[in-house]
């Protein structure tokens, strides 16, 4: 008999970042008020699901996004570094259309396929595949949620769907507080689905690019 296990990859909610800093793995970047509402809406979306395990990136914004799920399902959260945001050489900078023409920035943009400005895409895939296997075993026959970041989730999805890893960042389908669900039949990936529980809160601002 086939055993169905679902691993949900939940992106964190909106971060309070008025200076528009590329915060990456920096500490002390917390959810905004709207981001907290997004986390609540994501948790509500999972109502009725058989969630057996909850994992999170150790960064502030992902841990805060996991809190409503911890309460709703009475589960501890397991922090796993493999779910962390991708390393980026522009971390801490406030990037704009002007700054991307700076020679110090341009010299890091020579290879969009690896990419030259950050953690190699394949390395991100490797760590995400590892942690997904661990989570799948922990929730075997049930469901689990991993709270992570846009690029790691997008890399996991592209790899799962057999697509090349290089891509246009502005075309990632991984919005704030979105859910990318990997459904396994035994150990075989059977399907990938995507949902946006907090779409009503996106408004007119940019919601796809980011961490």
Protein backbone atom coordinates (compact mmCIF):
# COMPACT_ATOMS: atom_id res chain seq x y z
CA UNK A 1 0.00 0.00 0.00
CA UNK A 2 1.31 3.43 -0.95
CA UNK A 3 2.06 5.88 1.83
CA UNK A 4 1.36 9.55 1.09
CA UNK A 5 3.46 12.19 2.83
CA UNK A 6 3.27 15.94 2.19
CA UNK A 7 6.07 18.41 2.92
CA UNK A 8 4.85 22.02 2.77
CA UNK A 9 7.44 24.76 2.20
CA UNK A 10 6.11 27.98 3.72
CA UNK A 11 7.79 31.28 2.95
CA UNK A 12 7.89 33.79 5.81
CA UNK A 13 5.65 36.86 5.95
CA UNK A 14 6.51 40.45 5.15
CA UNK A 15 9.51 41.93 6.99
CA UNK A 16 9.69 45.44 8.45
CA UNK A 17 12.41 46.95 6.27
CA UNK A 18 11.81 50.65 5.56
CA UNK A 19 15.41 51.15 4.37
CA UNK A 20 14.98 48.37 1.78
CA UNK A 21 18.15 46.62 2.88
CA UNK A 22 19.01 43.27 1.35
CA UNK A 23 18.96 41.65 4.79
CA UNK A 24 19.77 38.07 3.80
CA UNK A 25 20.94 36.25 6.92
CA UNK A 26 21.32 39.36 9.08
CA UNK A 27 19.75 39.23 12.57
CA UNK A 28 17.06 41.54 13.93
CA UNK A 29 14.88 41.75 10.84
CA UNK A 30 11.41 40.98 12.13
CA UNK A 31 7.95 40.61 10.63
CA UNK A 32 5.98 43.79 10.06
CA UNK A 33 2.42 44.06 11.39
CA UNK A 34 1.21 42.93 7.99
CA UNK A 35 3.74 40.11 8.05
CA UNK A 36 2.33 38.91 11.37
CA UNK A 37 -1.16 38.86 9.83
CA UNK A 38 0.23 36.90 6.89
CA UNK A 39 1.62 34.31 9.30
CA UNK A 40 -1.79 33.98 10.94
CA UNK A 41 -3.49 33.55 7.57
CA UNK A 42 -0.98 30.91 6.53
CA UNK A 43 -1.62 29.03 9.76
CA UNK A 44 -5.38 29.25 9.18
CA UNK A 45 -4.89 27.79 5.69
CA UNK A 46 -3.50 24.62 7.28
CA UNK A 47 -6.60 24.07 9.42
CA UNK A 48 -7.78 20.50 8.92
CA UNK A 49 -4.38 19.31 7.70
CA UNK A 50 -2.67 16.46 9.52
CA UNK A 51 0.48 18.36 10.46
CA UNK A 52 2.87 16.12 12.38
CA UNK A 53 6.12 18.11 12.26
CA UNK A 54 7.17 21.75 12.09
CA UNK A 55 10.62 22.91 11.00
CA UNK A 56 12.02 26.40 10.50
CA UNK A 57 15.03 28.33 9.34
CA UNK A 58 16.71 29.84 12.43
CA UNK A 59 16.32 33.45 11.25
CA UNK A 60 13.98 35.79 13.13
CA UNK A 61 11.41 36.23 10.38
CA UNK A 62 10.90 32.52 9.81
CA UNK A 63 10.68 31.69 13.50
CA UNK A 64 8.06 34.42 13.92
CA UNK A 65 6.11 33.03 10.96
CA UNK A 66 6.09 29.60 12.61
CA UNK A 67 4.55 30.81 15.89
CA UNK A 68 0.86 30.61 14.84
CA UNK A 69 1.45 27.08 13.53
CA UNK A 70 3.12 26.05 16.79
CA UNK A 71 0.05 27.23 18.67
CA UNK A 72 -2.52 25.82 16.24
CA UNK A 73 -1.04 22.32 16.15
CA UNK A 74 0.61 22.26 19.59
CA UNK A 75 3.94 21.33 18.03
CA UNK A 76 7.52 22.25 18.87
CA UNK A 77 9.52 23.87 16.10
CA UNK A 78 12.78 22.26 15.01
CA UNK A 79 15.32 24.80 13.79
CA UNK A 80 17.42 23.60 10.87
CA UNK A 81 20.22 25.59 9.27
CA UNK A 82 19.59 23.89 5.93
CA UNK A 83 16.40 25.94 5.59
CA UNK A 84 18.25 29.25 5.98
CA UNK A 85 18.30 32.05 3.41
CA UNK A 86 20.85 31.82 0.60
CA UNK A 87 24.19 33.51 1.22
CA UNK A 88 24.56 36.72 -0.79
CA UNK A 89 27.54 39.04 -1.33
CA UNK A 90 25.21 42.06 -1.38
CA UNK A 91 23.89 41.35 2.11
CA UNK A 92 23.52 44.55 4.13
CA UNK A 93 23.38 46.79 1.06
CA UNK A 94 20.45 48.92 0.05
CA UNK A 95 20.22 48.16 -3.66
CA UNK A 96 18.59 50.52 -6.13
CA UNK A 97 18.59 51.06 -9.89
CA UNK A 98 21.50 53.45 -9.32
CA UNK A 99 23.55 51.17 -7.08
CA UNK A 100 23.42 48.25 -9.51
CA UNK A 101 25.51 50.37 -11.90
CA UNK A 102 28.25 50.73 -9.28
CA UNK A 103 31.46 48.99 -10.51
CA UNK A 104 31.78 47.17 -7.17
CA UNK A 105 28.32 45.69 -7.73
CA UNK A 106 28.69 45.03 -11.44
CA UNK A 107 31.85 43.00 -10.99
CA UNK A 108 29.87 40.44 -9.02
CA UNK A 109 27.17 40.03 -11.67
CA UNK A 110 29.27 38.33 -14.32
CA UNK A 111 27.69 34.87 -14.00
CA UNK A 112 23.90 34.61 -13.56
CA UNK A 113 23.97 30.84 -13.97
CA UNK A 114 25.91 29.91 -10.81
CA UNK A 115 25.29 32.76 -9.58
CA UNK A 116 28.48 34.78 -9.06
CA UNK A 117 26.95 37.02 -6.37
CA UNK A 118 25.90 34.37 -3.90
CA UNK A 119 25.53 30.78 -2.79
CA UNK A 120 25.58 28.42 -5.79
CA UNK A 121 22.11 27.30 -6.80
CA UNK A 122 23.16 23.65 -6.73
CA UNK A 123 24.40 24.00 -3.15
CA UNK A 124 21.02 25.41 -2.14
CA UNK A 125 19.25 22.50 -3.83
CA UNK A 126 21.52 19.98 -2.12
CA UNK A 127 20.79 21.25 1.38
CA UNK A 128 17.07 21.61 0.72
CA UNK A 129 16.86 18.05 -0.62
CA UNK A 130 18.65 16.81 2.50
CA UNK A 131 16.32 18.55 4.93
CA UNK A 132 13.20 17.58 2.97
CA UNK A 133 14.23 13.92 3.25
CA UNK A 134 14.66 14.31 7.02
CA UNK A 135 11.30 16.05 7.37
CA UNK A 136 9.55 13.46 5.20
CA UNK A 137 10.79 10.69 7.47
CA UNK A 138 9.68 12.62 10.56
CA UNK A 139 6.15 13.04 9.18
CA UNK A 140 5.88 9.73 7.29
CA UNK A 141 2.29 9.14 6.23
CA UNK A 142 1.22 12.59 7.41
CA UNK A 143 2.17 16.21 6.68
CA UNK A 144 4.93 18.62 7.74
CA UNK A 145 5.64 22.33 7.37
CA UNK A 146 9.08 23.86 6.76
CA UNK A 147 9.28 27.65 7.12
CA UNK A 148 11.98 28.96 4.84
CA UNK A 149 12.84 31.71 2.34
CA UNK A 150 12.04 32.54 -1.23
CA UNK A 151 15.19 31.38 -3.03
CA UNK A 152 15.66 28.08 -1.14
CA UNK A 153 12.00 27.21 -1.70
CA UNK A 154 12.15 28.19 -5.37
CA UNK A 155 15.31 26.14 -5.90
CA UNK A 156 13.70 23.11 -4.25
CA UNK A 157 10.68 23.47 -6.51
CA UNK A 158 12.66 23.93 -9.73
CA UNK A 159 14.77 20.89 -8.90
CA UNK A 160 11.67 18.85 -8.05
CA UNK A 161 10.08 19.79 -11.37
CA UNK A 162 13.25 18.98 -13.32
CA UNK A 163 13.85 22.55 -14.49
CA UNK A 164 17.21 24.27 -14.86
CA UNK A 165 18.20 26.23 -11.77
CA UNK A 166 19.11 29.59 -13.31
CA UNK A 167 16.13 31.89 -13.67
CA UNK A 168 14.86 35.47 -13.56
CA UNK A 169 14.42 36.41 -9.88
CA UNK A 170 11.44 38.64 -10.69
CA UNK A 171 9.55 35.63 -12.08
CA UNK A 172 9.79 33.39 -9.02
CA UNK A 173 6.41 31.97 -8.00
CA UNK A 174 7.04 32.17 -4.27
CA UNK A 175 5.19 35.07 -2.71
CA UNK A 176 5.16 36.15 0.91
CA UNK A 177 3.58 33.53 3.21
CA UNK A 178 2.99 31.27 0.20
CA UNK A 179 2.91 27.48 0.42
CA UNK A 180 4.73 25.18 -2.00
CA UNK A 181 3.58 21.62 -1.31
CA UNK A 182 5.55 18.50 -2.26
CA UNK A 183 3.41 15.36 -2.19
CA UNK A 184 5.24 12.04 -2.04
CA UNK A 185 3.93 8.56 -2.81
CA UNK A 186 6.26 6.54 -0.62
CA UNK A 187 9.62 8.13 -1.53
CA UNK A 188 8.63 9.24 -5.03
CA UNK A 189 7.57 12.81 -5.66
CA UNK A 190 4.03 12.60 -7.00
CA UNK A 191 3.06 16.27 -7.36
CA UNK A 192 3.93 19.88 -6.62
CA UNK A 193 1.30 22.50 -5.82
CA UNK A 194 1.31 26.16 -4.85
CA UNK A 195 -1.02 28.39 -2.82
CA UNK A 196 -1.08 31.97 -1.54
CA UNK A 197 -3.07 32.05 1.72
CA UNK A 198 -2.26 35.72 2.35
CA UNK A 199 -2.79 37.04 -1.19
CA UNK A 200 -5.45 39.49 0.01
CA UNK A 201 -2.73 41.33 1.95
CA UNK A 202 -0.29 41.77 -0.92
CA UNK A 203 -1.77 45.11 -2.00
CA UNK A 204 0.00 47.12 -4.67
CA UNK A 205 3.53 46.73 -3.34
CA UNK A 206 6.14 44.29 -4.63
CA UNK A 207 5.52 40.90 -3.11
CA UNK A 208 7.60 38.45 -5.12
CA UNK A 209 11.21 39.74 -5.08
CA UNK A 210 12.89 39.43 -1.71
CA UNK A 211 14.10 36.98 0.87
